[in-house]
PDB file of N, CA and C in Angstrom:
ATOM      1  N   UNK A   1     -61.906   3.122  10.539  1.00  0.00           N
ATOM      2  CA  UNK A   1     -63.171   2.452  10.618  1.00  0.00           C
ATOM      3  C   UNK A   1     -64.218   3.438  11.129  1.00  0.00           C
ATOM      4  N   UNK A   2     -65.335   3.484  10.468  1.00  0.00           N
ATOM      5  CA  UNK A   2     -66.399   4.406  10.845  1.00  0.00           C
ATOM      6  C   UNK A   2     -67.228   3.838  11.987  1.00  0.00           C
ATOM      7  N   UNK A   3     -67.736   4.714  12.835  1.00  0.00           N
ATOM      8  CA  UNK A   3     -68.553   4.292  13.966  1.00  0.00           C
ATOM      9  C   UNK A   3     -69.844   3.633  13.486  1.00  0.00           C
ATOM     10  N   UNK A   4     -70.354   4.061  12.340  1.00  0.00           N
ATOM     11  CA  UNK A   4     -71.583   3.470  11.799  1.00  0.00           C
ATOM     12  C   UNK A   4     -71.390   1.982  11.526  1.00  0.00           C
ATOM     13  N   UNK A   5     -70.253   1.628  10.938  1.00  0.00           N
ATOM     14  CA  UNK A   5     -69.964   0.220  10.639  1.00  0.00           C
ATOM     15  C   UNK A   5     -69.819  -0.588  11.922  1.00  0.00           C
ATOM     16  N   UNK A   6     -69.215   0.006  12.925  1.00  0.00           N
ATOM     17  CA  UNK A   6     -69.006  -0.689  14.184  1.00  0.00           C
ATOM     18  C   UNK A   6     -70.348  -0.964  14.851  1.00  0.00           C
ATOM     19  N   UNK A   7     -71.258  -0.012  14.805  1.00  0.00           N
ATOM     20  CA  UNK A   7     -72.566  -0.174  15.450  1.00  0.00           C
ATOM     21  C   UNK A   7     -73.421  -1.235  14.760  1.00  0.00           C
ATOM     22  N   UNK A   8     -73.155  -1.519  13.497  1.00  0.00           N
ATOM     23  CA  UNK A   8     -73.908  -2.532  12.766  1.00  0.00           C
ATOM     24  C   UNK A   8     -73.443  -3.949  13.101  1.00  0.00           C
ATOM     25  N   UNK A   9     -72.280  -4.095  13.704  1.00  0.00           N
ATOM     26  CA  UNK A   9     -71.718  -5.414  14.004  1.00  0.00           C
ATOM     27  C   UNK A   9     -72.392  -6.029  15.229  1.00  0.00           C
ATOM     28  N   UNK A  10     -72.398  -7.375  15.273  1.00  0.00           N
ATOM     29  CA  UNK A  10     -72.941  -8.077  16.435  1.00  0.00           C
ATOM     30  C   UNK A  10     -71.885  -8.115  17.538  1.00  0.00           C
ATOM     31  N   UNK A  11     -72.292  -8.579  18.706  1.00  0.00           N
ATOM     32  CA  UNK A  11     -71.379  -8.644  19.848  1.00  0.00           C
ATOM     33  C   UNK A  11     -70.215  -9.601  19.545  1.00  0.00           C
ATOM     34  N   UNK A  12     -70.517 -10.737  18.908  1.00  0.00           N
ATOM     35  CA  UNK A  12     -69.460 -11.692  18.570  1.00  0.00           C
ATOM     36  C   UNK A  12     -68.471 -11.095  17.571  1.00  0.00           C
ATOM     37  N   UNK A  13     -69.000 -10.403  16.570  1.00  0.00           N
ATOM     38  CA  UNK A  13     -68.140  -9.766  15.569  1.00  0.00           C
ATOM     39  C   UNK A  13     -67.265  -8.697  16.206  1.00  0.00           C
ATOM     40  N   UNK A  14     -67.837  -7.955  17.151  1.00  0.00           N
ATOM     41  CA  UNK A  14     -67.076  -6.910  17.828  1.00  0.00           C
ATOM     42  C   UNK A  14     -65.935  -7.511  18.650  1.00  0.00           C
ATOM     43  N   UNK A  15     -66.197  -8.618  19.313  1.00  0.00           N
ATOM     44  CA  UNK A  15     -65.151  -9.278  20.081  1.00  0.00           C
ATOM     45  C   UNK A  15     -64.014  -9.750  19.194  1.00  0.00           C
ATOM     46  N   UNK A  16     -64.380 -10.322  18.045  1.00  0.00           N
ATOM     47  CA  UNK A  16     -63.379 -10.776  17.088  1.00  0.00           C
ATOM     48  C   UNK A  16     -62.580  -9.600  16.533  1.00  0.00           C
ATOM     49  N   UNK A  17     -63.273  -8.526  16.197  1.00  0.00           N
ATOM     50  CA  UNK A  17     -62.610  -7.343  15.641  1.00  0.00           C
ATOM     51  C   UNK A  17     -61.649  -6.734  16.655  1.00  0.00           C
ATOM     52  N   UNK A  18     -62.067  -6.690  17.925  1.00  0.00           N
ATOM     53  CA  UNK A  18     -61.189  -6.151  18.965  1.00  0.00           C
ATOM     54  C   UNK A  18     -59.907  -6.977  19.067  1.00  0.00           C
ATOM     55  N   UNK A  19     -60.050  -8.294  19.020  1.00  0.00           N
ATOM     56  CA  UNK A  19     -58.888  -9.173  19.091  1.00  0.00           C
ATOM     57  C   UNK A  19     -57.951  -8.929  17.905  1.00  0.00           C
ATOM     58  N   UNK A  20     -58.518  -8.803  16.709  1.00  0.00           N
ATOM     59  CA  UNK A  20     -57.707  -8.549  15.508  1.00  0.00           C
ATOM     60  C   UNK A  20     -56.965  -7.225  15.625  1.00  0.00           C
ATOM     61  N   UNK A  21     -57.661  -6.206  16.110  1.00  0.00           N
ATOM     62  CA  UNK A  21     -57.032  -4.888  16.243  1.00  0.00           C
ATOM     63  C   UNK A  21     -55.932  -4.909  17.295  1.00  0.00           C
ATOM     64  N   UNK A  22     -56.127  -5.640  18.387  1.00  0.00           N
ATOM     65  CA  UNK A  22     -55.090  -5.750  19.418  1.00  0.00           C
ATOM     66  C   UNK A  22     -53.834  -6.402  18.843  1.00  0.00           C
ATOM     67  N   UNK A  23     -54.026  -7.447  18.025  1.00  0.00           N
ATOM     68  CA  UNK A  23     -52.877  -8.105  17.385  1.00  0.00           C
ATOM     69  C   UNK A  23     -52.167  -7.155  16.424  1.00  0.00           C
ATOM     70  N   UNK A  24     -52.962  -6.399  15.676  1.00  0.00           N
ATOM     71  CA  UNK A  24     -52.384  -5.453  14.723  1.00  0.00           C
ATOM     72  C   UNK A  24     -51.583  -4.379  15.460  1.00  0.00           C
ATOM     73  N   UNK A  25     -52.110  -3.896  16.580  1.00  0.00           N
ATOM     74  CA  UNK A  25     -51.407  -2.887  17.372  1.00  0.00           C
ATOM     75  C   UNK A  25     -50.089  -3.444  17.898  1.00  0.00           C
ATOM     76  N   UNK A  26     -50.096  -4.698  18.350  1.00  0.00           N
ATOM     77  CA  UNK A  26     -48.868  -5.322  18.825  1.00  0.00           C
ATOM     78  C   UNK A  26     -47.816  -5.378  17.721  1.00  0.00           C
ATOM     79  N   UNK A  27     -48.242  -5.782  16.528  1.00  0.00           N
ATOM     80  CA  UNK A  27     -47.308  -5.872  15.401  1.00  0.00           C
ATOM     81  C   UNK A  27     -46.747  -4.509  15.040  1.00  0.00           C
ATOM     82  N   UNK A  28     -47.601  -3.484  15.087  1.00  0.00           N
ATOM     83  CA  UNK A  28     -47.137  -2.132  14.787  1.00  0.00           C
ATOM     84  C   UNK A  28     -46.123  -1.655  15.825  1.00  0.00           C
ATOM     85  N   UNK A  29     -46.365  -1.983  17.095  1.00  0.00           N
ATOM     86  CA  UNK A  29     -45.419  -1.600  18.145  1.00  0.00           C
ATOM     87  C   UNK A  29     -44.073  -2.297  17.956  1.00  0.00           C
ATOM     88  N   UNK A  30     -44.113  -3.545  17.538  1.00  0.00           N
ATOM     89  CA  UNK A  30     -42.866  -4.268  17.279  1.00  0.00           C
ATOM     90  C   UNK A  30     -42.115  -3.635  16.107  1.00  0.00           C
ATOM     91  N   UNK A  31     -42.837  -3.255  15.071  1.00  0.00           N
ATOM     92  CA  UNK A  31     -42.201  -2.594  13.931  1.00  0.00           C
ATOM     93  C   UNK A  31     -41.577  -1.273  14.353  1.00  0.00           C
ATOM     94  N   UNK A  32     -42.270  -0.551  15.225  1.00  0.00           N
ATOM     95  CA  UNK A  32     -41.728   0.718  15.701  1.00  0.00           C
ATOM     96  C   UNK A  32     -40.453   0.499  16.494  1.00  0.00           C
ATOM     97  N   UNK A  33     -40.458  -0.527  17.334  1.00  0.00           N
ATOM     98  CA  UNK A  33     -39.293  -0.806  18.176  1.00  0.00           C
ATOM     99  C   UNK A  33     -38.084  -1.225  17.347  1.00  0.00           C
ATOM    100  N   UNK A  34     -38.320  -1.907  16.234  1.00  0.00           N
ATOM    101  CA  UNK A  34     -37.207  -2.368  15.401  1.00  0.00           C
ATOM    102  C   UNK A  34     -36.865  -1.376  14.294  1.00  0.00           C
ATOM    103  N   UNK A  35     -37.604  -0.269  14.231  1.00  0.00           N
ATOM    104  CA  UNK A  35     -37.311   0.757  13.232  1.00  0.00           C
ATOM    105  C   UNK A  35     -37.840   0.456  11.845  1.00  0.00           C
ATOM    106  N   UNK A  36     -38.786  -0.459  11.737  1.00  0.00           N
ATOM    107  CA  UNK A  36     -39.324  -0.839  10.437  1.00  0.00           C
ATOM    108  C   UNK A  36     -40.667  -0.186  10.129  1.00  0.00           C
ATOM    109  N   UNK A  37     -41.197   0.600  11.050  1.00  0.00           N
ATOM    110  CA  UNK A  37     -42.519   1.199  10.872  1.00  0.00           C
ATOM    111  C   UNK A  37     -42.454   2.317   9.835  1.00  0.00           C
ATOM    112  N   UNK A  38     -43.273   2.194   8.797  1.00  0.00           N
ATOM    113  CA  UNK A  38     -43.299   3.184   7.727  1.00  0.00           C
ATOM    114  C   UNK A  38     -44.260   4.330   8.029  1.00  0.00           C
ATOM    115  N   UNK A  39     -45.443   3.992   8.566  1.00  0.00           N
ATOM    116  CA  UNK A  39     -46.485   4.987   8.781  1.00  0.00           C
ATOM    117  C   UNK A  39     -46.806   5.055  10.281  1.00  0.00           C
ATOM    118  N   UNK A  40     -46.209   5.987  10.979  1.00  0.00           N
ATOM    119  CA  UNK A  40     -46.366   6.093  12.421  1.00  0.00           C
ATOM    120  C   UNK A  40     -47.780   6.492  12.829  1.00  0.00           C
ATOM    121  N   UNK A  41     -48.507   7.167  11.971  1.00  0.00           N
ATOM    122  CA  UNK A  41     -49.870   7.582  12.312  1.00  0.00           C
ATOM    123  C   UNK A  41     -50.817   6.397  12.386  1.00  0.00           C
ATOM    124  N   UNK A  42     -50.411   5.271  11.834  1.00  0.00           N
ATOM    125  CA  UNK A  42     -51.254   4.062  11.868  1.00  0.00           C
ATOM    126  C   UNK A  42     -51.448   3.581  13.308  1.00  0.00           C
ATOM    127  N   UNK A  43     -50.464   3.813  14.167  1.00  0.00           N
ATOM    128  CA  UNK A  43     -50.590   3.437  15.581  1.00  0.00           C
ATOM    129  C   UNK A  43     -51.797   4.129  16.222  1.00  0.00           C
ATOM    130  N   UNK A  44     -51.912   5.414  16.004  1.00  0.00           N
ATOM    131  CA  UNK A  44     -53.026   6.173  16.563  1.00  0.00           C
ATOM    132  C   UNK A  44     -54.365   5.748  15.990  1.00  0.00           C
ATOM    133  N   UNK A  45     -54.383   5.448  14.692  1.00  0.00           N
ATOM    134  CA  UNK A  45     -55.625   5.008  14.054  1.00  0.00           C
ATOM    135  C   UNK A  45     -56.119   3.707  14.658  1.00  0.00           C
ATOM    136  N   UNK A  46     -55.210   2.769  14.852  1.00  0.00           N
ATOM    137  CA  UNK A  46     -55.590   1.468  15.400  1.00  0.00           C
ATOM    138  C   UNK A  46     -56.051   1.625  16.847  1.00  0.00           C
ATOM    139  N   UNK A  47     -55.380   2.458  17.614  1.00  0.00           N
ATOM    140  CA  UNK A  47     -55.795   2.686  19.006  1.00  0.00           C
ATOM    141  C   UNK A  47     -57.197   3.279  19.073  1.00  0.00           C
ATOM    142  N   UNK A  48     -57.501   4.223  18.182  1.00  0.00           N
ATOM    143  CA  UNK A  48     -58.835   4.817  18.154  1.00  0.00           C
ATOM    144  C   UNK A  48     -59.890   3.802  17.717  1.00  0.00           C
ATOM    145  N   UNK A  49     -59.531   2.936  16.762  1.00  0.00           N
ATOM    146  CA  UNK A  49     -60.460   1.891  16.328  1.00  0.00           C
ATOM    147  C   UNK A  49     -60.767   0.932  17.480  1.00  0.00           C
ATOM    148  N   UNK A  50     -59.755   0.590  18.257  1.00  0.00           N
ATOM    149  CA  UNK A  50     -59.966  -0.281  19.414  1.00  0.00           C
ATOM    150  C   UNK A  50     -60.913   0.397  20.402  1.00  0.00           C
ATOM    151  N   UNK A  51     -60.716   1.670  20.635  1.00  0.00           N
ATOM    152  CA  UNK A  51     -61.574   2.408  21.561  1.00  0.00           C
ATOM    153  C   UNK A  51     -63.016   2.435  21.055  1.00  0.00           C
ATOM    154  N   UNK A  52     -63.207   2.638  19.744  1.00  0.00           N
ATOM    155  CA  UNK A  52     -64.555   2.637  19.184  1.00  0.00           C
ATOM    156  C   UNK A  52     -65.234   1.297  19.390  1.00  0.00           C
ATOM    157  N   UNK A  53     -64.511   0.226  19.083  1.00  0.00           N
ATOM    158  CA  UNK A  53     -65.075  -1.118  19.206  1.00  0.00           C
ATOM    159  C   UNK A  53     -65.427  -1.409  20.663  1.00  0.00           C
ATOM    160  N   UNK A  54     -64.539  -1.067  21.576  1.00  0.00           N
ATOM    161  CA  UNK A  54     -64.789  -1.336  22.986  1.00  0.00           C
ATOM    162  C   UNK A  54     -65.974  -0.533  23.513  1.00  0.00           C
ATOM    163  N   UNK A  55     -66.129   0.702  23.058  1.00  0.00           N
ATOM    164  CA  UNK A  55     -67.246   1.539  23.487  1.00  0.00           C
ATOM    165  C   UNK A  55     -68.574   0.943  23.030  1.00  0.00           C
ATOM    166  N   UNK A  56     -68.655   0.563  21.770  1.00  0.00           N
ATOM    167  CA  UNK A  56     -69.895  -0.002  21.241  1.00  0.00           C
ATOM    168  C   UNK A  56     -70.174  -1.355  21.894  1.00  0.00           C
ATOM    169  N   UNK A  57     -69.135  -2.120  22.147  1.00  0.00           N
ATOM    170  CA  UNK A  57     -69.294  -3.417  22.799  1.00  0.00           C
ATOM    171  C   UNK A  57     -69.902  -3.260  24.191  1.00  0.00           C
ATOM    172  N   UNK A  58     -69.417  -2.289  24.945  1.00  0.00           N
ATOM    173  CA  UNK A  58     -69.976  -2.034  26.277  1.00  0.00           C
ATOM    174  C   UNK A  58     -71.428  -1.579  26.188  1.00  0.00           C
ATOM    175  N   UNK A  59     -71.746  -0.737  25.193  1.00  0.00           N
ATOM    176  CA  UNK A  59     -73.118  -0.265  25.023  1.00  0.00           C
ATOM    177  C   UNK A  59     -74.051  -1.434  24.713  1.00  0.00           C
ATOM    178  N   UNK A  60     -73.607  -2.348  23.872  1.00  0.00           N
ATOM    179  CA  UNK A  60     -74.463  -3.467  23.476  1.00  0.00           C
ATOM    180  C   UNK A  60     -74.622  -4.490  24.597  1.00  0.00           C
ATOM    181  N   UNK A  61     -73.637  -4.592  25.456  1.00  0.00           N
ATOM    182  CA  UNK A  61     -73.716  -5.568  26.548  1.00  0.00           C
ATOM    183  C   UNK A  61     -74.648  -5.104  27.660  1.00  0.00           C
ATOM    184  N   UNK A  62     -74.988  -3.829  27.709  1.00  0.00           N
ATOM    185  CA  UNK A  62     -75.882  -3.315  28.744  1.00  0.00           C
ATOM    186  C   UNK A  62     -77.256  -3.834  28.598  1.00  0.00           C
TER     187      UNK A  62
END
């Protein structure tokens, strides 16, 4: 996810997106634990996306 797209989102959309990404990260961790994870780099991508969303969310709440 590009930072430009994240900055265009509203505060409500960012909160929803963060929740979706947290759920996705949980599912990926479960797949990793059970040995079903195909693309291990996806874990890092989702973590970075969460960080981007949280950063922009904090900036907008100021």
